[in-house]
């Protein structure tokens, strides 16, 4: 999940931190904003970050040939 270029790793880290803060606020009953389980949100985040890395030109330049998009 944390592979790729510096830009993609930073974006993934920021999204993961934001998701963590949102679920922390939910657990502390500060903000009741949705009824989504944490693993569902994590799978969506992993899919979003994976799609972003496969469309990033910097990440595609450093990927092995077997993992590059066709």
PDB file of N, CA and C in Angstrom:
ATOM      1  N   UNK A   1       0.820  -1.193   0.000  1.00  0.00           N
ATOM      2  CA  UNK A   1       0.000   0.000   0.000  1.00  0.00           C
ATOM      3  C   UNK A   1       0.862   1.253   0.000  1.00  0.00           C
ATOM      4  N   UNK A   2       2.035   1.206   0.598  1.00  0.00           N
ATOM      5  CA  UNK A   2       2.882   2.381   0.652  1.00  0.00           C
ATOM      6  C   UNK A   2       4.015   2.303  -0.356  1.00  0.00           C
ATOM      7  N   UNK A   3       3.763   1.705  -1.500  1.00  0.00           N
ATOM      8  CA  UNK A   3       4.763   1.695  -2.551  1.00  0.00           C
ATOM      9  C   UNK A   3       4.417   2.811  -3.536  1.00  0.00           C
ATOM     10  N   UNK A   4       5.336   3.097  -4.407  1.00  0.00           N
ATOM     11  CA  UNK A   4       5.085   4.126  -5.402  1.00  0.00           C
ATOM     12  C   UNK A   4       5.984   5.328  -5.188  1.00  0.00           C
ATOM     13  N   UNK A   5       5.672   6.398  -5.884  1.00  0.00           N
ATOM     14  CA  UNK A   5       6.500   7.600  -5.806  1.00  0.00           C
ATOM     15  C   UNK A   5       6.203   8.369  -4.508  1.00  0.00           C
ATOM     16  N   UNK A   6       6.997   9.379  -4.268  1.00  0.00           N
ATOM     17  CA  UNK A   6       6.858  10.168  -3.033  1.00  0.00           C
ATOM     18  C   UNK A   6       5.497  10.845  -2.962  1.00  0.00           C
ATOM     19  N   UNK A   7       5.020  11.341  -4.101  1.00  0.00           N
ATOM     20  CA  UNK A   7       3.728  12.027  -4.147  1.00  0.00           C
ATOM     21  C   UNK A   7       2.583  11.084  -3.782  1.00  0.00           C
ATOM     22  N   UNK A   8       2.617   9.864  -4.323  1.00  0.00           N
ATOM     23  CA  UNK A   8       1.550   8.896  -4.043  1.00  0.00           C
ATOM     24  C   UNK A   8       1.611   8.391  -2.606  1.00  0.00           C
ATOM     25  N   UNK A   9       2.816   8.194  -2.076  1.00  0.00           N
ATOM     26  CA  UNK A   9       2.944   7.764  -0.672  1.00  0.00           C
ATOM     27  C   UNK A   9       2.410   8.846   0.260  1.00  0.00           C
ATOM     28  N   UNK A  10       2.690  10.113  -0.056  1.00  0.00           N
ATOM     29  CA  UNK A  10       2.208  11.211   0.780  1.00  0.00           C
ATOM     30  C   UNK A  10       0.681  11.305   0.716  1.00  0.00           C
ATOM     31  N   UNK A  11       0.117  11.164  -0.466  1.00  0.00           N
ATOM     32  CA  UNK A  11      -1.335  11.211  -0.621  1.00  0.00           C
ATOM     33  C   UNK A  11      -1.997  10.067   0.132  1.00  0.00           C
ATOM     34  N   UNK A  12      -1.423   8.868   0.031  1.00  0.00           N
ATOM     35  CA  UNK A  12      -1.956   7.718   0.750  1.00  0.00           C
ATOM     36  C   UNK A  12      -1.889   7.942   2.258  1.00  0.00           C
ATOM     37  N   UNK A  13      -0.794   8.483   2.731  1.00  0.00           N
ATOM     38  CA  UNK A  13      -0.644   8.744   4.167  1.00  0.00           C
ATOM     39  C   UNK A  13      -1.652   9.765   4.660  1.00  0.00           C
ATOM     40  N   UNK A  14      -1.874  10.817   3.894  1.00  0.00           N
ATOM     41  CA  UNK A  14      -2.842  11.846   4.291  1.00  0.00           C
ATOM     42  C   UNK A  14      -4.257  11.276   4.314  1.00  0.00           C
ATOM     43  N   UNK A  15      -4.604  10.483   3.297  1.00  0.00           N
ATOM     44  CA  UNK A  15      -5.939   9.872   3.265  1.00  0.00           C
ATOM     45  C   UNK A  15      -6.133   8.896   4.419  1.00  0.00           C
ATOM     46  N   UNK A  16      -5.106   8.118   4.729  1.00  0.00           N
ATOM     47  CA  UNK A  16      -5.184   7.174   5.839  1.00  0.00           C
ATOM     48  C   UNK A  16      -5.313   7.900   7.178  1.00  0.00           C
ATOM     49  N   UNK A  17      -4.585   8.986   7.341  1.00  0.00           N
ATOM     50  CA  UNK A  17      -4.693   9.787   8.560  1.00  0.00           C
ATOM     51  C   UNK A  17      -6.085  10.407   8.687  1.00  0.00           C
ATOM     52  N   UNK A  18      -6.617  10.943   7.596  1.00  0.00           N
ATOM     53  CA  UNK A  18      -7.958  11.540   7.631  1.00  0.00           C
ATOM     54  C   UNK A  18      -9.013  10.504   7.974  1.00  0.00           C
ATOM     55  N   UNK A  19      -8.885   9.319   7.386  1.00  0.00           N
ATOM     56  CA  UNK A  19      -9.832   8.245   7.693  1.00  0.00           C
ATOM     57  C   UNK A  19      -9.733   7.837   9.157  1.00  0.00           C
ATOM     58  N   UNK A  20      -8.515   7.760   9.669  1.00  0.00           N
ATOM     59  CA  UNK A  20      -8.319   7.420  11.079  1.00  0.00           C
ATOM     60  C   UNK A  20      -8.930   8.451  12.013  1.00  0.00           C
ATOM     61  N   UNK A  21      -8.762   9.727  11.696  1.00  0.00           N
ATOM     62  CA  UNK A  21      -9.336  10.790  12.533  1.00  0.00           C
ATOM     63  C   UNK A  21     -10.864  10.726  12.497  1.00  0.00           C
ATOM     64  N   UNK A  22     -11.436  10.482  11.307  1.00  0.00           N
ATOM     65  CA  UNK A  22     -12.894  10.384  11.219  1.00  0.00           C
ATOM     66  C   UNK A  22     -13.440   9.235  12.062  1.00  0.00           C
ATOM     67  N   UNK A  23     -12.777   8.083  12.019  1.00  0.00           N
ATOM     68  CA  UNK A  23     -13.237   6.956  12.834  1.00  0.00           C
ATOM     69  C   UNK A  23     -12.953   7.168  14.314  1.00  0.00           C
ATOM     70  N   UNK A  24     -11.915   7.899  14.656  1.00  0.00           N
ATOM     71  CA  UNK A  24     -11.673   8.247  16.055  1.00  0.00           C
ATOM     72  C   UNK A  24     -12.785   9.145  16.581  1.00  0.00           C
ATOM     73  N   UNK A  25     -13.186  10.135  15.789  1.00  0.00           N
ATOM     74  CA  UNK A  25     -14.293  11.002  16.190  1.00  0.00           C
ATOM     75  C   UNK A  25     -15.591  10.210  16.329  1.00  0.00           C
ATOM     76  N   UNK A  26     -15.770   9.235  15.453  1.00  0.00           N
ATOM     77  CA  UNK A  26     -16.970   8.388  15.564  1.00  0.00           C
ATOM     78  C   UNK A  26     -16.923   7.548  16.834  1.00  0.00           C
ATOM     79  N   UNK A  27     -15.748   6.970  17.154  1.00  0.00           N
ATOM     80  CA  UNK A  27     -15.614   6.135  18.352  1.00  0.00           C
ATOM     81  C   UNK A  27     -15.791   6.937  19.636  1.00  0.00           C
ATOM     82  N   UNK A  28     -15.405   8.204  19.606  1.00  0.00           N
ATOM     83  CA  UNK A  28     -15.538   9.057  20.788  1.00  0.00           C
ATOM     84  C   UNK A  28     -16.916   9.709  20.887  1.00  0.00           C
ATOM     85  N   UNK A  29     -17.812   9.357  19.969  1.00  0.00           N
ATOM     86  CA  UNK A  29     -19.169   9.912  19.916  1.00  0.00           C
ATOM     87  C   UNK A  29     -19.176  11.427  19.799  1.00  0.00           C
ATOM     88  N   UNK A  30     -18.172  11.962  19.118  1.00  0.00           N
ATOM     89  CA  UNK A  30     -18.127  13.396  18.858  1.00  0.00           C
ATOM     90  C   UNK A  30     -18.915  13.710  17.596  1.00  0.00           C
ATOM     91  N   UNK A  31     -18.797  12.821  16.609  1.00  0.00           N
ATOM     92  CA  UNK A  31     -19.444  13.069  15.332  1.00  0.00           C
ATOM     93  C   UNK A  31     -19.994  11.757  14.805  1.00  0.00           C
ATOM     94  N   UNK A  32     -21.300  11.640  14.746  1.00  0.00           N
ATOM     95  CA  UNK A  32     -21.947  10.433  14.238  1.00  0.00           C
ATOM     96  C   UNK A  32     -22.340  10.704  12.791  1.00  0.00           C
ATOM     97  N   UNK A  33     -21.439  10.365  11.858  1.00  0.00           N
ATOM     98  CA  UNK A  33     -21.600  10.811  10.488  1.00  0.00           C
ATOM     99  C   UNK A  33     -21.994   9.728   9.503  1.00  0.00           C
ATOM    100  N   UNK A  34     -21.772   8.474   9.817  1.00  0.00           N
ATOM    101  CA  UNK A  34     -22.137   7.420   8.887  1.00  0.00           C
ATOM    102  C   UNK A  34     -22.229   6.088   9.603  1.00  0.00           C
ATOM    103  N   UNK A  35     -22.703   5.125   8.888  1.00  0.00           N
ATOM    104  CA  UNK A  35     -22.808   3.776   9.445  1.00  0.00           C
ATOM    105  C   UNK A  35     -21.992   2.821   8.576  1.00  0.00           C
ATOM    106  N   UNK A  36     -20.713   3.145   8.389  1.00  0.00           N
ATOM    107  CA  UNK A  36     -19.800   2.345   7.583  1.00  0.00           C
ATOM    108  C   UNK A  36     -18.781   1.706   8.517  1.00  0.00           C
ATOM    109  N   UNK A  37     -18.520   0.431   8.324  1.00  0.00           N
ATOM    110  CA  UNK A  37     -17.521  -0.256   9.139  1.00  0.00           C
ATOM    111  C   UNK A  37     -16.121   0.169   8.706  1.00  0.00           C
ATOM    112  N   UNK A  38     -15.163   0.065   9.608  1.00  0.00           N
ATOM    113  CA  UNK A  38     -13.816   0.541   9.324  1.00  0.00           C
ATOM    114  C   UNK A  38     -13.149  -0.254   8.215  1.00  0.00           C
ATOM    115  N   UNK A  39     -13.440  -1.566   8.130  1.00  0.00           N
ATOM    116  CA  UNK A  39     -12.770  -2.359   7.093  1.00  0.00           C
ATOM    117  C   UNK A  39     -13.311  -2.024   5.703  1.00  0.00           C
ATOM    118  N   UNK A  40     -14.574  -1.642   5.615  1.00  0.00           N
ATOM    119  CA  UNK A  40     -15.121  -1.216   4.329  1.00  0.00           C
ATOM    120  C   UNK A  40     -14.436   0.060   3.861  1.00  0.00           C
ATOM    121  N   UNK A  41     -14.270   0.995   4.774  1.00  0.00           N
ATOM    122  CA  UNK A  41     -13.582   2.243   4.425  1.00  0.00           C
ATOM    123  C   UNK A  41     -12.124   1.974   4.058  1.00  0.00           C
ATOM    124  N   UNK A  42     -11.477   1.031   4.731  1.00  0.00           N
ATOM    125  CA  UNK A  42     -10.086   0.701   4.426  1.00  0.00           C
ATOM    126  C   UNK A  42      -9.966   0.057   3.043  1.00  0.00           C
ATOM    127  N   UNK A  43     -10.888  -0.841   2.695  1.00  0.00           N
ATOM    128  CA  UNK A  43     -10.858  -1.445   1.366  1.00  0.00           C
ATOM    129  C   UNK A  43     -11.090  -0.399   0.281  1.00  0.00           C
ATOM    130  N   UNK A  44     -11.997   0.530   0.514  1.00  0.00           N
ATOM    131  CA  UNK A  44     -12.228   1.602  -0.454  1.00  0.00           C
ATOM    132  C   UNK A  44     -10.986   2.477  -0.603  1.00  0.00           C
ATOM    133  N   UNK A  45     -10.329   2.766   0.517  1.00  0.00           N
ATOM    134  CA  UNK A  45      -9.105   3.566   0.473  1.00  0.00           C
ATOM    135  C   UNK A  45      -7.997   2.831  -0.276  1.00  0.00           C
ATOM    136  N   UNK A  46      -7.840   1.539  -0.036  1.00  0.00           N
ATOM    137  CA  UNK A  46      -6.819   0.759  -0.736  1.00  0.00           C
ATOM    138  C   UNK A  46      -7.092   0.726  -2.238  1.00  0.00           C
ATOM    139  N   UNK A  47      -8.335   0.573  -2.624  1.00  0.00           N
ATOM    140  CA  UNK A  47      -8.688   0.571  -4.038  1.00  0.00           C
ATOM    141  C   UNK A  47      -8.437   1.918  -4.690  1.00  0.00           C
ATOM    142  N   UNK A  48      -8.786   2.979  -3.997  1.00  0.00           N
ATOM    143  CA  UNK A  48      -8.561   4.328  -4.515  1.00  0.00           C
ATOM    144  C   UNK A  48      -7.075   4.615  -4.685  1.00  0.00           C
ATOM    145  N   UNK A  49      -6.287   4.249  -3.701  1.00  0.00           N
ATOM    146  CA  UNK A  49      -4.833   4.475  -3.776  1.00  0.00           C
ATOM    147  C   UNK A  49      -4.198   3.595  -4.853  1.00  0.00           C
ATOM    148  N   UNK A  50      -4.678   2.382  -5.003  1.00  0.00           N
ATOM    149  CA  UNK A  50      -4.164   1.502  -6.051  1.00  0.00           C
ATOM    150  C   UNK A  50      -4.452   2.045  -7.438  1.00  0.00           C
ATOM    151  N   UNK A  51      -5.666   2.543  -7.640  1.00  0.00           N
ATOM    152  CA  UNK A  51      -5.998   3.152  -8.925  1.00  0.00           C
ATOM    153  C   UNK A  51      -5.150   4.390  -9.189  1.00  0.00           C
ATOM    154  N   UNK A  52      -4.945   5.196  -8.157  1.00  0.00           N
ATOM    155  CA  UNK A  52      -4.144   6.407  -8.321  1.00  0.00           C
ATOM    156  C   UNK A  52      -2.707   6.076  -8.684  1.00  0.00           C
ATOM    157  N   UNK A  53      -2.130   5.043  -8.056  1.00  0.00           N
ATOM    158  CA  UNK A  53      -0.745   4.683  -8.348  1.00  0.00           C
ATOM    159  C   UNK A  53      -0.594   4.097  -9.742  1.00  0.00           C
ATOM    160  N   UNK A  54      -1.618   3.394 -10.238  1.00  0.00           N
ATOM    161  CA  UNK A  54      -1.521   2.811 -11.570  1.00  0.00           C
ATOM    162  C   UNK A  54      -1.753   3.836 -12.673  1.00  0.00           C
ATOM    163  N   UNK A  55      -2.224   5.022 -12.328  1.00  0.00           N
ATOM    164  CA  UNK A  55      -2.389   6.072 -13.328  1.00  0.00           C
ATOM    165  C   UNK A  55      -1.343   7.167 -13.184  1.00  0.00           C
ATOM    166  N   UNK A  56      -0.517   7.091 -12.168  1.00  0.00           N
ATOM    167  CA  UNK A  56       0.538   8.084 -11.936  1.00  0.00           C
ATOM    168  C   UNK A  56       1.732   7.773 -12.840  1.00  0.00           C
ATOM    169  N   UNK A  57       2.176   8.754 -13.594  1.00  0.00           N
ATOM    170  CA  UNK A  57       3.288   8.518 -14.519  1.00  0.00           C
ATOM    171  C   UNK A  57       4.592   8.235 -13.778  1.00  0.00           C
ATOM    172  N   UNK A  58       4.817   8.858 -12.621  1.00  0.00           N
ATOM    173  CA  UNK A  58       6.036   8.610 -11.848  1.00  0.00           C
ATOM    174  C   UNK A  58       6.057   7.181 -11.298  1.00  0.00           C
ATOM    175  N   UNK A  59       4.925   6.716 -10.814  1.00  0.00           N
ATOM    176  CA  UNK A  59       4.850   5.349 -10.277  1.00  0.00           C
ATOM    177  C   UNK A  59       4.999   4.323 -11.393  1.00  0.00           C
ATOM    178  N   UNK A  60       4.369   4.568 -12.539  1.00  0.00           N
ATOM    179  CA  UNK A  60       4.450   3.629 -13.651  1.00  0.00           C
ATOM    180  C   UNK A  60       5.870   3.538 -14.197  1.00  0.00           C
ATOM    181  N   UNK A  61       6.636   4.602 -14.090  1.00  0.00           N
ATOM    182  CA  UNK A  61       8.012   4.585 -14.581  1.00  0.00           C
ATOM    183  C   UNK A  61       8.902   3.712 -13.704  1.00  0.00           C
ATOM    184  N   UNK A  62       8.564   3.565 -12.417  1.00  0.00           N
ATOM    185  CA  UNK A  62       9.395   2.776 -11.516  1.00  0.00           C
ATOM    186  C   UNK A  62       8.857   1.365 -11.282  1.00  0.00           C
ATOM    187  N   UNK A  63       7.671   1.048 -11.806  1.00  0.00           N
ATOM    188  CA  UNK A  63       7.078  -0.275 -11.624  1.00  0.00           C
ATOM    189  C   UNK A  63       7.750  -1.311 -12.512  1.00  0.00           C
ATOM    190  N   UNK A  64       7.830  -2.553 -12.035  1.00  0.00           N
ATOM    191  CA  UNK A  64       8.305  -3.619 -12.924  1.00  0.00           C
ATOM    192  C   UNK A  64       7.348  -3.817 -14.087  1.00  0.00           C
ATOM    193  N   UNK A  65       7.825  -4.335 -15.190  1.00  0.00           N
ATOM    194  CA  UNK A  65       7.000  -4.511 -16.399  1.00  0.00           C
ATOM    195  C   UNK A  65       5.768  -5.364 -16.142  1.00  0.00           C
ATOM    196  N   UNK A  66       5.865  -6.348 -15.258  1.00  0.00           N
ATOM    197  CA  UNK A  66       4.744  -7.258 -15.013  1.00  0.00           C
ATOM    198  C   UNK A  66       3.566  -6.576 -14.327  1.00  0.00           C
ATOM    199  N   UNK A  67       3.811  -5.458 -13.632  1.00  0.00           N
ATOM    200  CA  UNK A  67       2.735  -4.788 -12.916  1.00  0.00           C
ATOM    201  C   UNK A  67       2.218  -3.545 -13.629  1.00  0.00           C
ATOM    202  N   UNK A  68       2.841  -3.163 -14.731  1.00  0.00           N
ATOM    203  CA  UNK A  68       2.406  -1.957 -15.436  1.00  0.00           C
ATOM    204  C   UNK A  68       1.069  -2.196 -16.115  1.00  0.00           C
ATOM    205  N   UNK A  69       0.320  -1.132 -16.266  1.00  0.00           N
ATOM    206  CA  UNK A  69      -0.961  -1.235 -16.948  1.00  0.00           C
ATOM    207  C   UNK A  69      -0.713  -1.471 -18.425  1.00  0.00           C
ATOM    208  N   UNK A  70      -1.661  -2.102 -19.049  1.00  0.00           N
ATOM    209  CA  UNK A  70      -1.494  -2.431 -20.477  1.00  0.00           C
ATOM    210  C   UNK A  70      -2.335  -1.532 -21.329  1.00  0.00           C
TER     211      UNK A  70
END
